[in-house]
Amino acid sequence: ATLGADRDGNPHVTPEVTRLACSVARWMAADLFEREIAALRSELSVTTASPELRARANGAREPYRAVLREVRDRLRATRDARGNELSRAALLKGDSDRPASPRAAAYVSTAEFIEPLQLCHRSLMETGQSVIADGRLADVLRRTAAFGLTLVRLDLRQHAARHAEALDAITRHRGLGSYVEWDESQRQTFLSAALRDHQRLAPPDLEADDHVGLQGFEGDLLD
């Protein structure tokens, strides 16, 4: 089982533990990729590049290194942002000897991270440097495709009773009746409509008891 996912039988796996597990995984992914990009920058000292890459590098003499420097800084910012979330894990705080650039923005999606890497790969291929393109850079792209910036997929398991309690709080608040008193057909109709219409189930002003655990409903249905 994935760490932080067993919410249906382990009373110690709270929403906070799940969030912590996700932050640890994202911190580790950013840290590992930052090392890969640092190694890649040391290799890509070539100066021959496509006009597209040169434009992105603002005419830098070593365009690949210039583009990857931004990637490295954003990964450091991503790692440090996750480290700041891990207040309980002091060992995972950002390294003081490798500060992130104050101008760098943390990555919020894997697509943002992949785009400049694909640009570098495309430039190398277009300029006849396929051997370099298919080396470490291709390996990083494969790892990114496999692991993304989350490192692992978290398949969250939550006890059905907790889901029912949370949905009951939502339907009562919305004046739709009691979810726990509905039969299976009514429940399926309600949930199918919410998924189909991308409804935000929990209104912003909903207040629920702590035991309801609405944190378990973070995701598409809430957003």
C-alpha atoms as a PDB file:
ATOM      1  CA  ALA A   1       0.000   0.000   0.000  1.00  0.00           C
ATOM      2  CA  THR A   2       1.161   3.538  -0.680  1.00  0.00           C
ATOM      3  CA  LEU A   3       2.233   5.479   2.394  1.00  0.00           C
ATOM      4  CA  GLY A   4      -0.560   7.758   3.560  1.00  0.00           C
ATOM      5  CA  ALA A   5      -3.302   6.057   1.546  1.00  0.00           C
ATOM      6  CA  ASP A   6      -4.751   3.551   4.029  1.00  0.00           C
ATOM      7  CA  ARG A   7      -7.643   5.582   5.366  1.00  0.00           C
ATOM      8  CA  ASP A   8     -10.116   2.670   5.599  1.00  0.00           C
ATOM      9  CA  GLY A   9      -8.488   0.651   8.361  1.00  0.00           C
ATOM     10  CA  ASN A  10      -5.685   2.603   9.993  1.00  0.00           C
ATOM     11  CA  PRO A  11      -6.896   5.240  12.466  1.00  0.00           C
ATOM     12  CA  HIS A  12      -3.477   6.895  12.456  1.00  0.00           C
ATOM     13  CA  VAL A  13      -3.708   7.792   8.744  1.00  0.00           C
ATOM     14  CA  THR A  14      -5.476  11.120   9.006  1.00  0.00           C
ATOM     15  CA  PRO A  15      -5.983  13.712   6.246  1.00  0.00           C
ATOM     16  CA  GLU A  16      -2.894  15.486   7.604  1.00  0.00           C
ATOM     17  CA  VAL A  17      -0.830  12.297   7.190  1.00  0.00           C
ATOM     18  CA  THR A  18      -2.092  11.943   3.616  1.00  0.00           C
ATOM     19  CA  ARG A  19      -1.131  15.532   2.820  1.00  0.00           C
ATOM     20  CA  LEU A  20       2.260  14.970   4.419  1.00  0.00           C
ATOM     21  CA  ALA A  21       2.859  11.852   2.311  1.00  0.00           C
ATOM     22  CA  CYS A  22       2.024  13.784  -0.857  1.00  0.00           C
ATOM     23  CA  SER A  23       4.359  16.614   0.107  1.00  0.00           C
ATOM     24  CA  VAL A  24       7.198  14.196   0.858  1.00  0.00           C
ATOM     25  CA  ALA A  25       6.762  12.519  -2.528  1.00  0.00           C
ATOM     26  CA  ARG A  26       6.693  15.858  -4.364  1.00  0.00           C
ATOM     27  CA  TRP A  27       9.750  17.052  -2.428  1.00  0.00           C
ATOM     28  CA  MET A  28      11.650  13.901  -3.351  1.00  0.00           C
ATOM     29  CA  ALA A  29      10.650  14.139  -7.024  1.00  0.00           C
ATOM     30  CA  ALA A  30      11.836  17.754  -7.258  1.00  0.00           C
ATOM     31  CA  ASP A  31      15.076  16.909  -5.474  1.00  0.00           C
ATOM     32  CA  LEU A  32      15.839  13.922  -7.726  1.00  0.00           C
ATOM     33  CA  PHE A  33      15.017  15.815 -10.908  1.00  0.00           C
ATOM     34  CA  GLU A  34      17.099  18.797  -9.763  1.00  0.00           C
ATOM     35  CA  ARG A  35      20.117  16.490  -9.561  1.00  0.00           C
ATOM     36  CA  GLU A  36      19.414  15.148 -13.040  1.00  0.00           C
ATOM     37  CA  ILE A  37      19.097  18.639 -14.513  1.00  0.00           C
ATOM     38  CA  ALA A  38      22.345  19.714 -12.830  1.00  0.00           C
ATOM     39  CA  ALA A  39      24.136  16.773 -14.433  1.00  0.00           C
ATOM     40  CA  LEU A  40      22.471  17.472 -17.762  1.00  0.00           C
ATOM     41  CA  ARG A  41      23.598  21.101 -17.711  1.00  0.00           C
ATOM     42  CA  SER A  42      27.213  20.015 -17.243  1.00  0.00           C
ATOM     43  CA  GLU A  43      26.912  17.853 -20.383  1.00  0.00           C
ATOM     44  CA  LEU A  44      25.055  20.246 -22.660  1.00  0.00           C
ATOM     45  CA  SER A  45      27.773  22.800 -23.285  1.00  0.00           C
ATOM     46  CA  VAL A  46      27.136  22.655 -27.042  1.00  0.00           C
ATOM     47  CA  THR A  47      26.396  25.914 -28.788  1.00  0.00           C
ATOM     48  CA  THR A  48      24.623  24.718 -31.946  1.00  0.00           C
ATOM     49  CA  ALA A  49      20.899  25.181 -31.446  1.00  0.00           C
ATOM     50  CA  SER A  50      17.676  25.810 -33.308  1.00  0.00           C
ATOM     51  CA  PRO A  51      16.331  29.366 -33.689  1.00  0.00           C
ATOM     52  CA  GLU A  52      13.491  28.368 -31.362  1.00  0.00           C
ATOM     53  CA  LEU A  53      15.876  27.440 -28.569  1.00  0.00           C
ATOM     54  CA  ARG A  54      18.109  30.459 -29.138  1.00  0.00           C
ATOM     55  CA  ALA A  55      15.104  32.721 -28.804  1.00  0.00           C
ATOM     56  CA  ARG A  56      14.160  31.074 -25.501  1.00  0.00           C
ATOM     57  CA  ALA A  57      17.755  31.447 -24.272  1.00  0.00           C
ATOM     58  CA  ASN A  58      17.822  35.156 -25.183  1.00  0.00           C
ATOM     59  CA  GLY A  59      20.919  34.717 -27.331  1.00  0.00           C
ATOM     60  CA  ALA A  60      23.052  33.077 -24.625  1.00  0.00           C
ATOM     61  CA  ARG A  61      26.321  31.573 -25.886  1.00  0.00           C
ATOM     62  CA  GLU A  62      25.395  28.217 -24.350  1.00  0.00           C
ATOM     63  CA  PRO A  63      21.626  28.143 -24.980  1.00  0.00           C
ATOM     64  CA  TYR A  64      20.919  24.684 -23.544  1.00  0.00           C
ATOM     65  CA  ARG A  65      22.561  25.559 -20.258  1.00  0.00           C
ATOM     66  CA  ALA A  66      20.691  28.851 -20.138  1.00  0.00           C
ATOM     67  CA  VAL A  67      17.309  27.173 -20.587  1.00  0.00           C
ATOM     68  CA  LEU A  68      18.143  24.387 -18.151  1.00  0.00           C
ATOM     69  CA  ARG A  69      19.327  26.891 -15.554  1.00  0.00           C
ATOM     70  CA  GLU A  70      15.768  28.171 -15.325  1.00  0.00           C
ATOM     71  CA  VAL A  71      14.506  24.591 -15.051  1.00  0.00           C
ATOM     72  CA  ARG A  72      16.992  23.919 -12.261  1.00  0.00           C
ATOM     73  CA  ASP A  73      15.984  27.064 -10.365  1.00  0.00           C
ATOM     74  CA  ARG A  74      12.297  26.247 -10.647  1.00  0.00           C
ATOM     75  CA  LEU A  75      12.915  22.708  -9.400  1.00  0.00           C
ATOM     76  CA  ARG A  76      14.781  24.119  -6.422  1.00  0.00           C
ATOM     77  CA  ALA A  77      11.904  26.482  -5.757  1.00  0.00           C
ATOM     78  CA  THR A  78       9.492  23.532  -6.030  1.00  0.00           C
ATOM     79  CA  ARG A  79      11.572  21.446  -3.654  1.00  0.00           C
ATOM     80  CA  ASP A  80      11.897  24.273  -1.148  1.00  0.00           C
ATOM     81  CA  ALA A  81       8.160  25.021  -1.298  1.00  0.00           C
ATOM     82  CA  ARG A  82       7.415  21.405  -0.469  1.00  0.00           C
ATOM     83  CA  GLY A  83      10.080  21.459   2.230  1.00  0.00           C
ATOM     84  CA  ASN A  84       8.370  24.408   3.867  1.00  0.00           C
ATOM     85  CA  GLU A  85       5.204  22.315   4.079  1.00  0.00           C
ATOM     86  CA  LEU A  86       7.034  19.574   5.906  1.00  0.00           C
ATOM     87  CA  SER A  87       7.260  21.336   9.237  1.00  0.00           C
ATOM     88  CA  ARG A  88       7.336  17.992  11.003  1.00  0.00           C
ATOM     89  CA  ALA A  89      10.236  16.697   8.892  1.00  0.00           C
ATOM     90  CA  ALA A  90      13.135  19.015   9.708  1.00  0.00           C
ATOM     91  CA  LEU A  91      15.571  16.946   7.644  1.00  0.00           C
ATOM     92  CA  LEU A  92      13.633  17.732   4.482  1.00  0.00           C
ATOM     93  CA  LYS A  93      13.929  21.496   4.673  1.00  0.00           C
ATOM     94  CA  GLY A  94      15.597  23.257   1.744  1.00  0.00           C
ATOM     95  CA  ASP A  95      19.386  22.992   1.665  1.00  0.00           C
ATOM     96  CA  SER A  96      20.942  26.213   2.912  1.00  0.00           C
ATOM     97  CA  ASP A  97      23.920  25.819   0.577  1.00  0.00           C
ATOM     98  CA  ARG A  98      21.701  25.534  -2.507  1.00  0.00           C
ATOM     99  CA  PRO A  99      19.179  28.384  -2.255  1.00  0.00           C
ATOM    100  CA  ALA A 100      16.507  28.713  -4.892  1.00  0.00           C
ATOM    101  CA  SER A 101      16.579  31.784  -7.070  1.00  0.00           C
ATOM    102  CA  PRO A 102      14.242  34.403  -5.562  1.00  0.00           C
ATOM    103  CA  ARG A 103      12.863  34.978  -9.053  1.00  0.00           C
ATOM    104  CA  ALA A 104      12.081  31.309  -9.709  1.00  0.00           C
ATOM    105  CA  ALA A 105       8.493  30.088  -9.523  1.00  0.00           C
ATOM    106  CA  ALA A 106       7.702  26.599  -8.285  1.00  0.00           C
ATOM    107  CA  TYR A 107       6.262  24.187 -10.828  1.00  0.00           C
ATOM    108  CA  VAL A 108       2.559  23.513 -10.516  1.00  0.00           C
ATOM    109  CA  SER A 109       2.266  20.944 -13.312  1.00  0.00           C
ATOM    110  CA  THR A 110       4.394  18.305 -14.975  1.00  0.00           C
ATOM    111  CA  ALA A 111       3.633  19.857 -18.376  1.00  0.00           C
ATOM    112  CA  GLU A 112       5.479  23.023 -17.319  1.00  0.00           C
ATOM    113  CA  PHE A 113       8.520  20.958 -16.421  1.00  0.00           C
ATOM    114  CA  ILE A 114       8.511  18.836 -19.579  1.00  0.00           C
ATOM    115  CA  GLU A 115       8.099  21.703 -22.064  1.00  0.00           C
ATOM    116  CA  PRO A 116      11.664  23.153 -21.897  1.00  0.00           C
ATOM    117  CA  LEU A 117      13.139  19.653 -21.887  1.00  0.00           C
ATOM    118  CA  GLN A 118      11.240  18.800 -25.035  1.00  0.00           C
ATOM    119  CA  LEU A 119      12.418  22.082 -26.539  1.00  0.00           C
ATOM    120  CA  CYS A 120      16.042  21.119 -25.880  1.00  0.00           C
ATOM    121  CA  HIS A 121      15.496  17.640 -27.318  1.00  0.00           C
ATOM    122  CA  ARG A 122      13.802  19.044 -30.404  1.00  0.00           C
ATOM    123  CA  SER A 123      16.654  21.485 -30.965  1.00  0.00           C
ATOM    124  CA  LEU A 124      19.285  18.784 -30.699  1.00  0.00           C
ATOM    125  CA  MET A 125      17.438  16.575 -33.166  1.00  0.00           C
ATOM    126  CA  GLU A 126      16.943  19.432 -35.624  1.00  0.00           C
ATOM    127  CA  THR A 127      20.634  20.337 -35.551  1.00  0.00           C
ATOM    128  CA  GLY A 128      21.941  16.814 -36.147  1.00  0.00           C
ATOM    129  CA  GLN A 129      22.876  16.018 -32.558  1.00  0.00           C
ATOM    130  CA  SER A 130      20.656  12.991 -32.063  1.00  0.00           C
ATOM    131  CA  VAL A 131      23.304  11.052 -30.145  1.00  0.00           C
ATOM    132  CA  ILE A 132      23.282  13.727 -27.435  1.00  0.00           C
ATOM    133  CA  ALA A 133      19.507  14.054 -27.562  1.00  0.00           C
ATOM    134  CA  ASP A 134      19.043  10.332 -26.990  1.00  0.00           C
ATOM    135  CA  GLY A 135      21.365  10.240 -23.982  1.00  0.00           C
ATOM    136  CA  ARG A 136      20.686  11.642 -20.513  1.00  0.00           C
ATOM    137  CA  LEU A 137      18.092  14.094 -21.824  1.00  0.00           C
ATOM    138  CA  ALA A 138      15.952  11.302 -23.250  1.00  0.00           C
ATOM    139  CA  ASP A 139      16.307   9.406 -19.961  1.00  0.00           C
ATOM    140  CA  VAL A 140      15.059  12.422 -18.000  1.00  0.00           C
ATOM    141  CA  LEU A 141      12.084  12.773 -20.340  1.00  0.00           C
ATOM    142  CA  ARG A 142      11.230   9.096 -19.842  1.00  0.00           C
ATOM    143  CA  ARG A 143      11.434   9.425 -16.067  1.00  0.00           C
ATOM    144  CA  THR A 144       9.280  12.531 -16.194  1.00  0.00           C
ATOM    145  CA  ALA A 145       6.668  10.713 -18.261  1.00  0.00           C
ATOM    146  CA  ALA A 146       6.701   7.816 -15.792  1.00  0.00           C
ATOM    147  CA  PHE A 147       6.808   9.654 -12.460  1.00  0.00           C
ATOM    148  CA  GLY A 148       5.839  13.260 -13.124  1.00  0.00           C
ATOM    149  CA  LEU A 149       6.364  15.729 -10.296  1.00  0.00           C
ATOM    150  CA  THR A 150       4.371  13.612  -7.852  1.00  0.00           C
ATOM    151  CA  LEU A 151       6.778  10.606  -7.957  1.00  0.00           C
ATOM    152  CA  VAL A 152       4.057   8.120  -6.992  1.00  0.00           C
ATOM    153  CA  ARG A 153       0.350   7.741  -7.578  1.00  0.00           C
ATOM    154  CA  LEU A 154      -1.634   7.847  -4.380  1.00  0.00           C
ATOM    155  CA  ASP A 155      -4.620   5.500  -4.520  1.00  0.00           C
ATOM    156  CA  LEU A 156      -6.505   6.724  -1.492  1.00  0.00           C
ATOM    157  CA  ARG A 157      -8.650   4.232   0.389  1.00  0.00           C
ATOM    158  CA  GLN A 158     -11.330   5.624   2.667  1.00  0.00           C
ATOM    159  CA  HIS A 159     -14.010   3.741   4.581  1.00  0.00           C
ATOM    160  CA  ALA A 160     -17.376   3.887   2.800  1.00  0.00           C
ATOM    161  CA  ALA A 161     -19.060   5.141   5.958  1.00  0.00           C
ATOM    162  CA  ARG A 162     -16.824   8.225   5.984  1.00  0.00           C
ATOM    163  CA  HIS A 163     -17.722   8.989   2.376  1.00  0.00           C
ATOM    164  CA  ALA A 164     -21.398   8.610   3.164  1.00  0.00           C
ATOM    165  CA  GLU A 165     -21.154  10.927   6.190  1.00  0.00           C
ATOM    166  CA  ALA A 166     -19.370  13.600   4.159  1.00  0.00           C
ATOM    167  CA  LEU A 167     -21.872  13.401   1.307  1.00  0.00           C
ATOM    168  CA  ASP A 168     -24.736  13.491   3.770  1.00  0.00           C
ATOM    169  CA  ALA A 169     -23.385  16.745   5.228  1.00  0.00           C
ATOM    170  CA  ILE A 170     -23.179  18.169   1.706  1.00  0.00           C
ATOM    171  CA  THR A 171     -26.646  17.135   0.536  1.00  0.00           C
ATOM    172  CA  ARG A 172     -28.270  18.337   3.757  1.00  0.00           C
ATOM    173  CA  HIS A 173     -26.510  21.694   3.462  1.00  0.00           C
ATOM    174  CA  ARG A 174     -27.708  22.027  -0.123  1.00  0.00           C
ATOM    175  CA  GLY A 175     -31.279  21.214   0.874  1.00  0.00           C
ATOM    176  CA  LEU A 176     -31.366  17.994  -1.127  1.00  0.00           C
ATOM    177  CA  GLY A 177     -32.178  15.652   1.711  1.00  0.00           C
ATOM    178  CA  SER A 178     -30.166  13.013   3.517  1.00  0.00           C
ATOM    179  CA  TYR A 179     -27.691  11.061   1.408  1.00  0.00           C
ATOM    180  CA  VAL A 180     -27.502   8.237   3.973  1.00  0.00           C
ATOM    181  CA  GLU A 181     -31.270   7.766   3.749  1.00  0.00           C
ATOM    182  CA  TRP A 182     -31.318   7.526  -0.051  1.00  0.00           C
ATOM    183  CA  ASP A 183     -31.448   4.161  -1.762  1.00  0.00           C
ATOM    184  CA  GLU A 184     -28.638   3.080  -4.074  1.00  0.00           C
ATOM    185  CA  SER A 185     -30.420   4.330  -7.172  1.00  0.00           C
ATOM    186  CA  GLN A 186     -30.785   7.858  -5.773  1.00  0.00           C
ATOM    187  CA  ARG A 187     -27.144   7.904  -4.731  1.00  0.00           C
ATOM    188  CA  GLN A 188     -25.936   6.805  -8.148  1.00  0.00           C
ATOM    189  CA  THR A 189     -28.080   9.405  -9.890  1.00  0.00           C
ATOM    190  CA  PHE A 190     -26.731  12.190  -7.676  1.00  0.00           C
ATOM    191  CA  LEU A 191     -23.085  11.153  -8.030  1.00  0.00           C
ATOM    192  CA  SER A 192     -23.330  10.537 -11.779  1.00  0.00           C
ATOM    193  CA  ALA A 193     -24.776  14.009 -12.306  1.00  0.00           C
ATOM    194  CA  ALA A 194     -22.006  15.575 -10.194  1.00  0.00           C
ATOM    195  CA  LEU A 195     -19.306  13.794 -12.178  1.00  0.00           C
ATOM    196  CA  ARG A 196     -20.921  14.526 -15.532  1.00  0.00           C
ATOM    197  CA  ASP A 197     -21.504  18.216 -14.842  1.00  0.00           C
ATOM    198  CA  HIS A 198     -18.227  18.753 -12.928  1.00  0.00           C
ATOM    199  CA  GLN A 199     -20.179  20.154 -10.012  1.00  0.00           C
ATOM    200  CA  ARG A 200     -18.470  21.519  -6.948  1.00  0.00           C
ATOM    201  CA  LEU A 201     -20.151  19.407  -4.303  1.00  0.00           C
ATOM    202  CA  ALA A 202     -19.068  21.168  -1.125  1.00  0.00           C
ATOM    203  CA  PRO A 203     -20.110  24.836  -0.961  1.00  0.00           C
ATOM    204  CA  PRO A 204     -17.433  27.198   0.418  1.00  0.00           C
ATOM    205  CA  ASP A 205     -19.625  28.046   3.434  1.00  0.00           C
ATOM    206  CA  LEU A 206     -20.157  24.411   4.453  1.00  0.00           C
ATOM    207  CA  GLU A 207     -19.156  23.721   8.033  1.00  0.00           C
ATOM    208  CA  ALA A 208     -18.955  20.084   9.097  1.00  0.00           C
ATOM    209  CA  ASP A 209     -17.884  18.192  12.181  1.00  0.00           C
ATOM    210  CA  ASP A 210     -14.270  17.084  12.250  1.00  0.00           C
ATOM    211  CA  HIS A 211     -15.239  13.411  12.072  1.00  0.00           C
ATOM    212  CA  VAL A 212     -16.883  13.933   8.690  1.00  0.00           C
ATOM    213  CA  GLY A 213     -13.455  14.452   7.136  1.00  0.00           C
ATOM    214  CA  LEU A 214     -14.343  16.450   4.024  1.00  0.00           C
ATOM    215  CA  GLN A 215     -10.617  16.589   3.307  1.00  0.00           C
ATOM    216  CA  GLY A 216     -11.058  13.173   1.769  1.00  0.00           C
ATOM    217  CA  PHE A 217     -13.147  14.764  -0.994  1.00  0.00           C
ATOM    218  CA  GLU A 218     -10.417  17.071  -2.293  1.00  0.00           C
ATOM    219  CA  GLY A 219     -10.288  16.645  -6.054  1.00  0.00           C
ATOM    220  CA  ASP A 220     -12.402  17.056  -9.148  1.00  0.00           C
ATOM    221  CA  LEU A 221     -15.724  16.923  -7.327  1.00  0.00           C
ATOM    222  CA  LEU A 222     -14.749  19.820  -5.096  1.00  0.00           C
ATOM    223  CA  ASP A 223     -12.901  21.880  -7.679  1.00  0.00           C
END
